[in-house]
Amino acid sequence: MANMKTAISIEKSIFEQMNALAKKSKISRSRLFAIAAREFIQRNKNIDLLKSLNAAYEDLPEIEPIVAKMRSTHYKIVDNQW
């Protein structure tokens, strides 16, 4: 995979924290920023997927009333069996 060089501007405190974490993790700052960017991208893909799933299922009936009715029916069936 090809690497690209870039310059970014970030708050000094974030830079210092990333620098300390890179040293602690024994990886380069560049590697740490790449990992952070990859995780941020994946998190946003997951959020987009969740939104798509929610949109696909939004027209389904509410589950709670159905579950409550099932519990009531189930209780009547098994009452006094134990």
N, C-alpha and C. Protein backbone atom coordinates (compact mmCIF):
# COMPACT_ATOMS: atom_id res chain seq x y z
N MET A 1 0.85 -1.17 0.00
CA MET A 1 0.00 0.00 0.00
C MET A 1 0.90 1.23 0.00
N ALA A 2 0.58 2.16 -0.87
CA ALA A 2 1.37 3.39 -0.99
C ALA A 2 1.07 4.34 0.16
N ASN A 3 2.09 5.02 0.62
CA ASN A 3 1.92 6.01 1.68
C ASN A 3 1.92 7.41 1.08
N MET A 4 1.18 8.30 1.71
CA MET A 4 1.12 9.70 1.28
C MET A 4 1.57 10.56 2.44
N LYS A 5 2.36 11.56 2.15
CA LYS A 5 2.75 12.52 3.18
C LYS A 5 1.72 13.63 3.19
N THR A 6 1.46 14.13 4.39
CA THR A 6 0.52 15.24 4.52
C THR A 6 0.93 16.08 5.72
N ALA A 7 0.46 17.29 5.74
CA ALA A 7 0.70 18.17 6.88
C ALA A 7 -0.67 18.52 7.45
N ILE A 8 -0.77 18.44 8.77
CA ILE A 8 -2.03 18.79 9.42
C ILE A 8 -1.75 19.77 10.55
N SER A 9 -2.77 20.50 10.92
CA SER A 9 -2.67 21.40 12.07
C SER A 9 -3.63 20.88 13.13
N ILE A 10 -3.10 20.66 14.32
CA ILE A 10 -3.92 20.20 15.44
C ILE A 10 -3.55 20.99 16.68
N GLU A 11 -4.44 20.92 17.66
CA GLU A 11 -4.17 21.60 18.92
C GLU A 11 -2.91 21.02 19.56
N LYS A 12 -2.17 21.87 20.22
CA LYS A 12 -0.92 21.45 20.84
C LYS A 12 -1.14 20.33 21.84
N SER A 13 -2.22 20.41 22.64
CA SER A 13 -2.45 19.38 23.66
C SER A 13 -2.74 18.02 23.01
N ILE A 14 -3.43 18.02 21.89
CA ILE A 14 -3.69 16.75 21.19
C ILE A 14 -2.38 16.19 20.65
N PHE A 15 -1.56 17.06 20.06
CA PHE A 15 -0.26 16.63 19.54
C PHE A 15 0.58 16.01 20.65
N GLU A 16 0.61 16.67 21.78
CA GLU A 16 1.42 16.17 22.90
C GLU A 16 0.91 14.81 23.39
N GLN A 17 -0.41 14.67 23.46
CA GLN A 17 -0.97 13.38 23.88
C GLN A 17 -0.68 12.29 22.87
N MET A 18 -0.80 12.61 21.58
CA MET A 18 -0.50 11.63 20.54
C MET A 18 0.98 11.26 20.55
N ASN A 19 1.83 12.24 20.76
CA ASN A 19 3.27 12.00 20.83
C ASN A 19 3.60 11.07 22.00
N ALA A 20 3.02 11.34 23.16
CA ALA A 20 3.26 10.50 24.34
C ALA A 20 2.73 9.08 24.11
N LEU A 21 1.56 8.97 23.50
CA LEU A 21 0.99 7.65 23.24
C LEU A 21 1.83 6.88 22.23
N ALA A 22 2.33 7.56 21.22
CA ALA A 22 3.19 6.90 20.23
C ALA A 22 4.45 6.36 20.90
N LYS A 23 5.06 7.16 21.75
CA LYS A 23 6.26 6.71 22.46
C LYS A 23 5.94 5.52 23.36
N LYS A 24 4.84 5.62 24.10
CA LYS A 24 4.44 4.54 25.00
C LYS A 24 4.15 3.25 24.21
N SER A 25 3.54 3.40 23.05
CA SER A 25 3.18 2.25 22.22
C SER A 25 4.33 1.76 21.35
N LYS A 26 5.42 2.53 21.36
CA LYS A 26 6.61 2.20 20.56
C LYS A 26 6.29 2.11 19.06
N ILE A 27 5.50 3.08 18.61
CA ILE A 27 5.21 3.22 17.17
C ILE A 27 5.44 4.67 16.79
N SER A 28 5.56 4.91 15.52
CA SER A 28 5.78 6.29 15.07
C SER A 28 4.48 7.10 15.20
N ARG A 29 4.65 8.42 15.29
CA ARG A 29 3.48 9.29 15.30
C ARG A 29 2.66 9.08 14.04
N SER A 30 3.33 8.94 12.91
CA SER A 30 2.62 8.73 11.64
C SER A 30 1.75 7.49 11.72
N ARG A 31 2.30 6.42 12.26
CA ARG A 31 1.54 5.17 12.39
C ARG A 31 0.34 5.36 13.31
N LEU A 32 0.56 6.07 14.41
CA LEU A 32 -0.53 6.31 15.36
C LEU A 32 -1.65 7.14 14.72
N PHE A 33 -1.28 8.17 13.98
CA PHE A 33 -2.30 8.97 13.30
C PHE A 33 -3.04 8.14 12.25
N ALA A 34 -2.33 7.27 11.56
CA ALA A 34 -2.98 6.40 10.56
C ALA A 34 -3.97 5.46 11.24
N ILE A 35 -3.57 4.89 12.39
CA ILE A 35 -4.47 4.00 13.14
C ILE A 35 -5.71 4.78 13.59
N ALA A 36 -5.50 5.96 14.13
CA ALA A 36 -6.62 6.78 14.60
C ALA A 36 -7.56 7.13 13.45
N ALA A 37 -7.00 7.49 12.31
CA ALA A 37 -7.83 7.83 11.15
C ALA A 37 -8.62 6.62 10.68
N ARG A 38 -7.96 5.46 10.62
CA ARG A 38 -8.64 4.23 10.19
C ARG A 38 -9.80 3.90 11.13
N GLU A 39 -9.58 4.00 12.43
CA GLU A 39 -10.64 3.71 13.40
C GLU A 39 -11.79 4.71 13.29
N PHE A 40 -11.47 5.97 13.04
CA PHE A 40 -12.50 7.00 12.89
C PHE A 40 -13.35 6.71 11.64
N ILE A 41 -12.69 6.33 10.56
CA ILE A 41 -13.40 5.98 9.33
C ILE A 41 -14.31 4.79 9.56
N GLN A 42 -13.82 3.75 10.23
CA GLN A 42 -14.62 2.56 10.50
C GLN A 42 -15.81 2.89 11.39
N ARG A 43 -15.59 3.73 12.40
CA ARG A 43 -16.69 4.11 13.28
C ARG A 43 -17.79 4.81 12.49
N ASN A 44 -17.41 5.68 11.58
CA ASN A 44 -18.41 6.39 10.78
C ASN A 44 -19.13 5.45 9.81
N LYS A 45 -18.42 4.46 9.29
CA LYS A 45 -19.09 3.45 8.45
C LYS A 45 -20.11 2.69 9.27
N ASN A 46 -19.75 2.34 10.50
CA ASN A 46 -20.67 1.62 11.39
C ASN A 46 -21.91 2.47 11.70
N ILE A 47 -21.71 3.76 11.93
CA ILE A 47 -22.83 4.66 12.19
C ILE A 47 -23.74 4.73 10.97
N ASP A 48 -23.14 4.84 9.78
CA ASP A 48 -23.93 4.88 8.55
C ASP A 48 -24.71 3.58 8.36
N LEU A 49 -24.08 2.45 8.66
CA LEU A 49 -24.75 1.16 8.55
C LEU A 49 -25.93 1.08 9.52
N LEU A 50 -25.73 1.53 10.75
CA LEU A 50 -26.80 1.53 11.74
C LEU A 50 -27.97 2.40 11.28
N LYS A 51 -27.65 3.57 10.73
CA LYS A 51 -28.71 4.45 10.22
C LYS A 51 -29.48 3.78 9.09
N SER A 52 -28.77 3.09 8.22
CA SER A 52 -29.43 2.38 7.12
C SER A 52 -30.34 1.27 7.64
N LEU A 53 -29.85 0.52 8.62
CA LEU A 53 -30.66 -0.55 9.21
C LEU A 53 -31.89 0.02 9.90
N ASN A 54 -31.72 1.09 10.64
CA ASN A 54 -32.86 1.71 11.31
C ASN A 54 -33.88 2.22 10.30
N ALA A 55 -33.41 2.79 9.21
CA ALA A 55 -34.33 3.27 8.17
C ALA A 55 -35.06 2.11 7.51
N ALA A 56 -34.38 0.99 7.32
CA ALA A 56 -35.00 -0.17 6.67
C ALA A 56 -36.08 -0.78 7.55
N TYR A 57 -35.92 -0.69 8.86
CA TYR A 57 -36.87 -1.32 9.77
C TYR A 57 -37.84 -0.34 10.41
N GLU A 58 -37.80 0.93 10.05
CA GLU A 58 -38.63 1.92 10.74
C GLU A 58 -40.12 1.73 10.51
N ASP A 59 -40.51 1.04 9.44
CA ASP A 59 -41.93 0.85 9.17
C ASP A 59 -42.51 -0.39 9.84
N LEU A 60 -41.69 -1.13 10.59
CA LEU A 60 -42.18 -2.29 11.31
C LEU A 60 -42.93 -1.85 12.57
N PRO A 61 -43.87 -2.65 13.03
CA PRO A 61 -44.60 -2.28 14.25
C PRO A 61 -43.69 -2.28 15.46
N GLU A 62 -44.12 -1.57 16.49
CA GLU A 62 -43.37 -1.54 17.75
C GLU A 62 -43.28 -2.95 18.32
N ILE A 63 -42.14 -3.32 18.81
CA ILE A 63 -41.92 -4.66 19.34
C ILE A 63 -42.49 -4.81 20.76
N GLU A 64 -42.37 -3.80 21.59
CA GLU A 64 -42.78 -3.91 22.99
C GLU A 64 -44.23 -4.36 23.17
N PRO A 65 -45.21 -3.76 22.49
CA PRO A 65 -46.59 -4.23 22.68
C PRO A 65 -46.75 -5.71 22.29
N ILE A 66 -46.05 -6.14 21.25
CA ILE A 66 -46.12 -7.53 20.82
C ILE A 66 -45.52 -8.44 21.88
N VAL A 67 -44.36 -8.05 22.40
CA VAL A 67 -43.69 -8.85 23.43
C VAL A 67 -44.55 -8.91 24.69
N ALA A 68 -45.15 -7.80 25.08
CA ALA A 68 -46.00 -7.78 26.27
C ALA A 68 -47.17 -8.74 26.11
N LYS A 69 -47.78 -8.74 24.93
CA LYS A 69 -48.90 -9.64 24.69
C LYS A 69 -48.43 -11.10 24.70
N MET A 70 -47.26 -11.36 24.14
CA MET A 70 -46.73 -12.72 24.13
C MET A 70 -46.46 -13.19 25.56
N ARG A 71 -45.91 -12.31 26.40
CA ARG A 71 -45.61 -12.68 27.78
C ARG A 71 -46.90 -13.04 28.52
N SER A 72 -47.91 -12.23 28.31
CA SER A 72 -49.19 -12.48 28.97
C SER A 72 -49.77 -13.82 28.53
N THR A 73 -49.74 -14.07 27.24
CA THR A 73 -50.26 -15.33 26.71
C THR A 73 -49.43 -16.50 27.23
N HIS A 74 -48.12 -16.35 27.23
CA HIS A 74 -47.23 -17.42 27.70
C HIS A 74 -47.49 -17.71 29.17
N TYR A 75 -47.67 -16.66 29.97
CA TYR A 75 -47.94 -16.85 31.39
C TYR A 75 -49.22 -17.65 31.60
N LYS A 76 -50.25 -17.34 30.84
CA LYS A 76 -51.52 -18.07 30.97
C LYS A 76 -51.34 -19.54 30.60
N ILE A 77 -50.50 -19.82 29.64
CA ILE A 77 -50.27 -21.20 29.20
C ILE A 77 -49.52 -22.01 30.25
N VAL A 78 -48.50 -21.40 30.86
CA VAL A 78 -47.65 -22.15 31.79
C VAL A 78 -48.03 -21.98 33.25
N ASP A 79 -49.00 -21.12 33.55
CA ASP A 79 -49.39 -20.88 34.93
C ASP A 79 -49.78 -22.19 35.61
N ASN A 80 -49.29 -22.38 36.79
CA ASN A 80 -49.55 -23.57 37.61
C ASN A 80 -48.96 -24.86 37.04
N GLN A 81 -48.05 -24.77 36.11
CA GLN A 81 -47.41 -25.98 35.58
C GLN A 81 -46.13 -26.32 36.34
N TRP A 82 -45.58 -25.41 37.09
CA TRP A 82 -44.31 -25.67 37.76
C TRP A 82 -44.61 -26.00 39.17
